[in-house]
Amino acid sequence: MMDEHHHEESPQHYIESATERFADDYWEVSDLTPPLDIQNFSYKFGIILRREYLGLRLSGLCFVTPNNNRYAIVNSLEHPHRQRFVSIHECAHLLFDDLTPVELKLDLQHDKRQCKLERRADQLSAAMLMPYQWVRRWWDELATNPQCRVYIMAERFGVSKQAMRIRLRELGYKLDKWDR
């Protein structure tokens, strides 16, 4: 347990990447406070975001129509926190992947290139929903309440505790035993 004299500094571990730069730029220009408004985000980039029933095996999908409308569809059965993550994940594919108008086709088999695209979409989702500058600010702000810090941060960002823990670890934060 931390006493009032012990202050844990934010780690200096920050991975500079295209997804982190994109998220930093978005948050800086937008001058907003989390949680991210998913509908507004997709609208700004011309993406039509819908929540639909997609069955039990699919969290989301995206596609470009022949007239170049871009759609991100999120499974309405998923938990709201999961829907938020998947929404940005699917938007990332539409923003960064070389998608051409095609008939809707589901390919559940992933090759190495596809795995890299999926990882990049996950990274953008994490960076957009839990931007580094706000993670750092709230981590330091909540230093006097380490037992509840991850929970409070997850609530503020509108994400699950699991997603918050993963993001913190990826940014180099050391989690206490009660946060694992």
C-alpha atoms as a PDB file:
ATOM      1  CA  MET A   1       0.000   0.000   0.000  1.00  0.00           C
ATOM      2  CA  MET A   2       1.267   3.471  -0.851  1.00  0.00           C
ATOM      3  CA  ASP A   3       1.572   6.143   1.789  1.00  0.00           C
ATOM      4  CA  GLU A   4       0.958   9.837   1.211  1.00  0.00           C
ATOM      5  CA  HIS A   5       4.679  10.483   0.680  1.00  0.00           C
ATOM      6  CA  HIS A   6       5.080   7.869  -2.024  1.00  0.00           C
ATOM      7  CA  HIS A   7       4.299   9.153  -5.522  1.00  0.00           C
ATOM      8  CA  GLU A   8       4.682   6.826  -8.442  1.00  0.00           C
ATOM      9  CA  GLU A   9       5.833   8.600 -11.593  1.00  0.00           C
ATOM     10  CA  SER A  10       4.382   7.877 -15.003  1.00  0.00           C
ATOM     11  CA  PRO A  11       6.716   5.672 -17.004  1.00  0.00           C
ATOM     12  CA  GLN A  12       8.668   7.270 -19.796  1.00  0.00           C
ATOM     13  CA  HIS A  13       7.778   4.290 -21.970  1.00  0.00           C
ATOM     14  CA  TYR A  14       5.833   5.525 -24.982  1.00  0.00           C
ATOM     15  CA  ILE A  15       6.011   3.777 -28.302  1.00  0.00           C
ATOM     16  CA  GLU A  16       5.953   6.245 -31.161  1.00  0.00           C
ATOM     17  CA  SER A  17       3.987   4.693 -33.992  1.00  0.00           C
ATOM     18  CA  ALA A  18       1.675   5.804 -36.782  1.00  0.00           C
ATOM     19  CA  THR A  19      -1.368   4.800 -34.728  1.00  0.00           C
ATOM     20  CA  GLU A  20      -0.166   6.680 -31.625  1.00  0.00           C
ATOM     21  CA  ARG A  21       0.641   9.777 -33.725  1.00  0.00           C
ATOM     22  CA  PHE A  22      -2.790   9.629 -35.364  1.00  0.00           C
ATOM     23  CA  ALA A  23      -4.504   9.399 -31.969  1.00  0.00           C
ATOM     24  CA  ASP A  24      -2.334  12.158 -30.448  1.00  0.00           C
ATOM     25  CA  ASP A  25      -3.072  14.460 -33.374  1.00  0.00           C
ATOM     26  CA  TYR A  26      -6.798  13.731 -33.235  1.00  0.00           C
ATOM     27  CA  TRP A  27      -7.057  14.444 -29.509  1.00  0.00           C
ATOM     28  CA  GLU A  28      -4.850  17.546 -29.726  1.00  0.00           C
ATOM     29  CA  VAL A  29      -6.788  19.097 -32.622  1.00  0.00           C
ATOM     30  CA  SER A  30     -10.184  18.106 -31.216  1.00  0.00           C
ATOM     31  CA  ASP A  31      -9.412  19.557 -27.767  1.00  0.00           C
ATOM     32  CA  LEU A  32     -11.792  17.046 -26.165  1.00  0.00           C
ATOM     33  CA  THR A  33     -11.922  15.075 -22.952  1.00  0.00           C
ATOM     34  CA  PRO A  34     -12.476  11.289 -22.954  1.00  0.00           C
ATOM     35  CA  PRO A  35     -14.520   9.214 -23.395  1.00  0.00           C
ATOM     36  CA  LEU A  36     -14.298   9.323 -27.172  1.00  0.00           C
ATOM     37  CA  ASP A  37     -17.577  10.040 -28.944  1.00  0.00           C
ATOM     38  CA  ILE A  38     -17.574   7.082 -31.351  1.00  0.00           C
ATOM     39  CA  GLN A  39     -20.375   8.386 -33.579  1.00  0.00           C
ATOM     40  CA  ASN A  40     -18.694  11.768 -33.964  1.00  0.00           C
ATOM     41  CA  PHE A  41     -15.346  10.128 -34.724  1.00  0.00           C
ATOM     42  CA  SER A  42     -16.786   7.952 -37.495  1.00  0.00           C
ATOM     43  CA  TYR A  43     -18.798  10.872 -38.897  1.00  0.00           C
ATOM     44  CA  LYS A  44     -15.682  13.089 -39.115  1.00  0.00           C
ATOM     45  CA  PHE A  45     -14.049  10.482 -41.341  1.00  0.00           C
ATOM     46  CA  GLY A  46     -17.083   9.783 -43.507  1.00  0.00           C
ATOM     47  CA  ILE A  47     -17.717   6.339 -42.061  1.00  0.00           C
ATOM     48  CA  ILE A  48     -21.253   5.091 -41.581  1.00  0.00           C
ATOM     49  CA  LEU A  49     -21.299   3.285 -38.237  1.00  0.00           C
ATOM     50  CA  ARG A  50     -24.100   0.871 -37.482  1.00  0.00           C
ATOM     51  CA  ARG A  51     -24.933  -1.598 -34.751  1.00  0.00           C
ATOM     52  CA  GLU A  52     -26.533  -4.760 -36.117  1.00  0.00           C
ATOM     53  CA  TYR A  53     -27.072  -8.345 -35.079  1.00  0.00           C
ATOM     54  CA  LEU A  54     -24.095 -10.294 -36.484  1.00  0.00           C
ATOM     55  CA  GLY A  55     -24.567 -13.627 -34.740  1.00  0.00           C
ATOM     56  CA  LEU A  56     -22.336 -15.127 -32.097  1.00  0.00           C
ATOM     57  CA  ARG A  57     -19.002 -15.472 -33.941  1.00  0.00           C
ATOM     58  CA  LEU A  58     -18.469 -12.010 -35.398  1.00  0.00           C
ATOM     59  CA  SER A  59     -17.776  -8.820 -33.433  1.00  0.00           C
ATOM     60  CA  GLY A  60     -17.693  -6.477 -36.382  1.00  0.00           C
ATOM     61  CA  LEU A  61     -16.998  -6.005 -40.054  1.00  0.00           C
ATOM     62  CA  CYS A  62     -16.364  -3.210 -42.505  1.00  0.00           C
ATOM     63  CA  PHE A  63     -16.720  -2.713 -46.213  1.00  0.00           C
ATOM     64  CA  VAL A  64     -16.729  -0.156 -48.997  1.00  0.00           C
ATOM     65  CA  THR A  65     -19.682  -0.139 -51.386  1.00  0.00           C
ATOM     66  CA  PRO A  66     -19.314   0.285 -55.156  1.00  0.00           C
ATOM     67  CA  ASN A  67     -20.312   3.965 -54.751  1.00  0.00           C
ATOM     68  CA  ASN A  68     -17.526   4.351 -52.131  1.00  0.00           C
ATOM     69  CA  ASN A  69     -19.681   4.552 -49.022  1.00  0.00           C
ATOM     70  CA  ARG A  70     -17.684   3.200 -46.090  1.00  0.00           C
ATOM     71  CA  TYR A  71     -19.483   1.111 -43.489  1.00  0.00           C
ATOM     72  CA  ALA A  72     -18.399  -0.169 -40.087  1.00  0.00           C
ATOM     73  CA  ILE A  73     -20.871  -2.646 -38.632  1.00  0.00           C
ATOM     74  CA  VAL A  74     -20.631  -3.651 -34.961  1.00  0.00           C
ATOM     75  CA  ASN A  75     -22.403  -6.599 -33.388  1.00  0.00           C
ATOM     76  CA  SER A  76     -25.239  -5.305 -31.206  1.00  0.00           C
ATOM     77  CA  LEU A  77     -24.952  -8.421 -29.025  1.00  0.00           C
ATOM     78  CA  GLU A  78     -21.530  -7.377 -27.697  1.00  0.00           C
ATOM     79  CA  HIS A  79     -21.084  -5.543 -24.388  1.00  0.00           C
ATOM     80  CA  PRO A  80     -21.123  -1.735 -24.867  1.00  0.00           C
ATOM     81  CA  HIS A  81     -17.411  -1.510 -23.973  1.00  0.00           C
ATOM     82  CA  ARG A  82     -16.616  -4.160 -26.587  1.00  0.00           C
ATOM     83  CA  GLN A  83     -18.789  -2.325 -29.128  1.00  0.00           C
ATOM     84  CA  ARG A  84     -16.738   0.834 -28.578  1.00  0.00           C
ATOM     85  CA  PHE A  85     -13.459  -1.013 -29.151  1.00  0.00           C
ATOM     86  CA  VAL A  86     -14.749  -2.855 -32.231  1.00  0.00           C
ATOM     87  CA  SER A  87     -16.202   0.366 -33.675  1.00  0.00           C
ATOM     88  CA  ILE A  88     -12.796   2.060 -33.742  1.00  0.00           C
ATOM     89  CA  HIS A  89     -11.129  -1.199 -34.850  1.00  0.00           C
ATOM     90  CA  GLU A  90     -13.391  -1.376 -37.918  1.00  0.00           C
ATOM     91  CA  CYS A  91     -12.947   2.358 -38.595  1.00  0.00           C
ATOM     92  CA  ALA A  92      -9.176   1.787 -38.533  1.00  0.00           C
ATOM     93  CA  HIS A  93      -9.478  -0.746 -41.338  1.00  0.00           C
ATOM     94  CA  LEU A  94     -11.434   1.782 -43.380  1.00  0.00           C
ATOM     95  CA  LEU A  95      -8.946   4.568 -42.642  1.00  0.00           C
ATOM     96  CA  PHE A  96      -5.649   2.729 -43.122  1.00  0.00           C
ATOM     97  CA  ASP A  97      -6.135  -0.476 -45.085  1.00  0.00           C
ATOM     98  CA  ASP A  98      -6.233  -0.512 -48.850  1.00  0.00           C
ATOM     99  CA  LEU A  99      -9.865  -1.526 -49.208  1.00  0.00           C
ATOM    100  CA  THR A 100     -11.545  -1.440 -52.573  1.00  0.00           C
ATOM    101  CA  PRO A 101     -15.247  -1.688 -53.274  1.00  0.00           C
ATOM    102  CA  VAL A 102     -16.078  -5.381 -53.231  1.00  0.00           C
ATOM    103  CA  GLU A 103     -18.968  -7.631 -52.562  1.00  0.00           C
ATOM    104  CA  LEU A 104     -19.273  -8.402 -48.886  1.00  0.00           C
ATOM    105  CA  LYS A 105     -17.232 -11.527 -48.217  1.00  0.00           C
ATOM    106  CA  LEU A 106     -16.286 -12.897 -44.827  1.00  0.00           C
ATOM    107  CA  ASP A 107     -12.884 -14.508 -44.580  1.00  0.00           C
ATOM    108  CA  LEU A 108     -12.278 -15.857 -41.098  1.00  0.00           C
ATOM    109  CA  GLN A 109      -8.855 -17.275 -42.041  1.00  0.00           C
ATOM    110  CA  HIS A 110      -5.975 -14.847 -41.480  1.00  0.00           C
ATOM    111  CA  ASP A 111      -2.616 -14.847 -43.217  1.00  0.00           C
ATOM    112  CA  LYS A 112       0.411 -12.965 -41.819  1.00  0.00           C
ATOM    113  CA  ARG A 113      -0.485  -9.740 -43.659  1.00  0.00           C
ATOM    114  CA  GLN A 114      -4.028  -9.923 -42.308  1.00  0.00           C
ATOM    115  CA  CYS A 115      -2.738 -10.459 -38.754  1.00  0.00           C
ATOM    116  CA  LYS A 116      -0.608  -7.305 -39.047  1.00  0.00           C
ATOM    117  CA  LEU A 117      -3.639  -5.329 -40.231  1.00  0.00           C
ATOM    118  CA  GLU A 118      -5.685  -6.672 -37.321  1.00  0.00           C
ATOM    119  CA  ARG A 119      -2.959  -5.747 -34.829  1.00  0.00           C
ATOM    120  CA  ARG A 120      -2.717  -2.217 -36.248  1.00  0.00           C
ATOM    121  CA  ALA A 121      -6.509  -1.833 -36.007  1.00  0.00           C
ATOM    122  CA  ASP A 122      -6.365  -2.998 -32.358  1.00  0.00           C
ATOM    123  CA  GLN A 123      -3.542  -0.538 -31.644  1.00  0.00           C
ATOM    124  CA  LEU A 124      -5.478   2.381 -33.112  1.00  0.00           C
ATOM    125  CA  SER A 125      -8.564   1.404 -31.161  1.00  0.00           C
ATOM    126  CA  ALA A 126      -6.581   1.369 -27.908  1.00  0.00           C
ATOM    127  CA  ALA A 127      -4.800   4.647 -28.719  1.00  0.00           C
ATOM    128  CA  MET A 128      -8.045   6.413 -29.654  1.00  0.00           C
ATOM    129  CA  LEU A 129     -10.109   5.143 -26.738  1.00  0.00           C
ATOM    130  CA  MET A 130      -7.309   5.511 -24.168  1.00  0.00           C
ATOM    131  CA  PRO A 131      -5.050   8.300 -25.469  1.00  0.00           C
ATOM    132  CA  TYR A 132      -1.574   8.374 -23.982  1.00  0.00           C
ATOM    133  CA  GLN A 133      -1.743  11.954 -22.717  1.00  0.00           C
ATOM    134  CA  TRP A 134      -4.956  11.214 -20.791  1.00  0.00           C
ATOM    135  CA  VAL A 135      -3.674   7.864 -19.508  1.00  0.00           C
ATOM    136  CA  ARG A 136      -0.604   9.640 -18.128  1.00  0.00           C
ATOM    137  CA  ARG A 137      -2.663  12.484 -16.623  1.00  0.00           C
ATOM    138  CA  TRP A 138      -5.217  10.235 -14.911  1.00  0.00           C
ATOM    139  CA  TRP A 139      -2.612   7.691 -13.768  1.00  0.00           C
ATOM    140  CA  ASP A 140      -0.784  10.450 -11.927  1.00  0.00           C
ATOM    141  CA  GLU A 141      -4.000  12.070 -10.679  1.00  0.00           C
ATOM    142  CA  LEU A 142      -5.186   8.775  -9.179  1.00  0.00           C
ATOM    143  CA  ALA A 143      -1.844   7.849  -7.578  1.00  0.00           C
ATOM    144  CA  THR A 144      -3.320   8.289  -4.094  1.00  0.00           C
ATOM    145  CA  ASN A 145      -5.984   5.677  -4.892  1.00  0.00           C
ATOM    146  CA  PRO A 146      -4.023   2.757  -6.425  1.00  0.00           C
ATOM    147  CA  GLN A 147      -6.594   0.125  -5.454  1.00  0.00           C
ATOM    148  CA  CYS A 148      -9.281   1.749  -7.623  1.00  0.00           C
ATOM    149  CA  ARG A 149      -7.114   3.450 -10.245  1.00  0.00           C
ATOM    150  CA  VAL A 150      -7.622   0.951 -13.099  1.00  0.00           C
ATOM    151  CA  TYR A 151     -11.366   0.747 -12.436  1.00  0.00           C
ATOM    152  CA  ILE A 152     -11.778   4.539 -12.359  1.00  0.00           C
ATOM    153  CA  MET A 153      -9.693   5.008 -15.495  1.00  0.00           C
ATOM    154  CA  ALA A 154     -11.645   2.300 -17.354  1.00  0.00           C
ATOM    155  CA  GLU A 155     -14.903   4.007 -16.416  1.00  0.00           C
ATOM    156  CA  ARG A 156     -13.623   7.420 -17.540  1.00  0.00           C
ATOM    157  CA  PHE A 157     -12.463   6.038 -20.898  1.00  0.00           C
ATOM    158  CA  GLY A 158     -15.575   3.907 -21.393  1.00  0.00           C
ATOM    159  CA  VAL A 159     -13.601   0.665 -21.748  1.00  0.00           C
ATOM    160  CA  SER A 160     -13.368  -2.598 -19.858  1.00  0.00           C
ATOM    161  CA  LYS A 161     -10.902  -3.087 -17.020  1.00  0.00           C
ATOM    162  CA  GLN A 162      -9.211  -5.730 -19.152  1.00  0.00           C
ATOM    163  CA  ALA A 163      -8.672  -3.288 -22.035  1.00  0.00           C
ATOM    164  CA  MET A 164      -7.418  -0.665 -19.565  1.00  0.00           C
ATOM    165  CA  ARG A 165      -4.925  -3.121 -18.019  1.00  0.00           C
ATOM    166  CA  ILE A 166      -3.624  -4.143 -21.452  1.00  0.00           C
ATOM    167  CA  ARG A 167      -3.173  -0.512 -22.503  1.00  0.00           C
ATOM    168  CA  LEU A 168      -1.365   0.341 -19.263  1.00  0.00           C
ATOM    169  CA  ARG A 169       0.991  -2.617 -19.655  1.00  0.00           C
ATOM    170  CA  GLU A 170       1.691  -1.715 -23.295  1.00  0.00           C
ATOM    171  CA  LEU A 171       2.586   1.815 -22.206  1.00  0.00           C
ATOM    172  CA  GLY A 172       4.974   0.463 -19.575  1.00  0.00           C
ATOM    173  CA  TYR A 173       2.968   1.034 -16.405  1.00  0.00           C
ATOM    174  CA  LYS A 174       3.542  -1.353 -13.531  1.00  0.00           C
ATOM    175  CA  LEU A 175       0.295  -2.679 -12.150  1.00  0.00           C
ATOM    176  CA  ASP A 176      -0.087  -3.542  -8.474  1.00  0.00           C
ATOM    177  CA  LYS A 177      -1.305  -6.981  -7.446  1.00  0.00           C
ATOM    178  CA  TRP A 178      -4.920  -5.793  -7.102  1.00  0.00           C
ATOM    179  CA  ASP A 179      -4.898  -4.405 -10.666  1.00  0.00           C
ATOM    180  CA  ARG A 180      -3.904  -7.632 -12.379  1.00  0.00           C
END
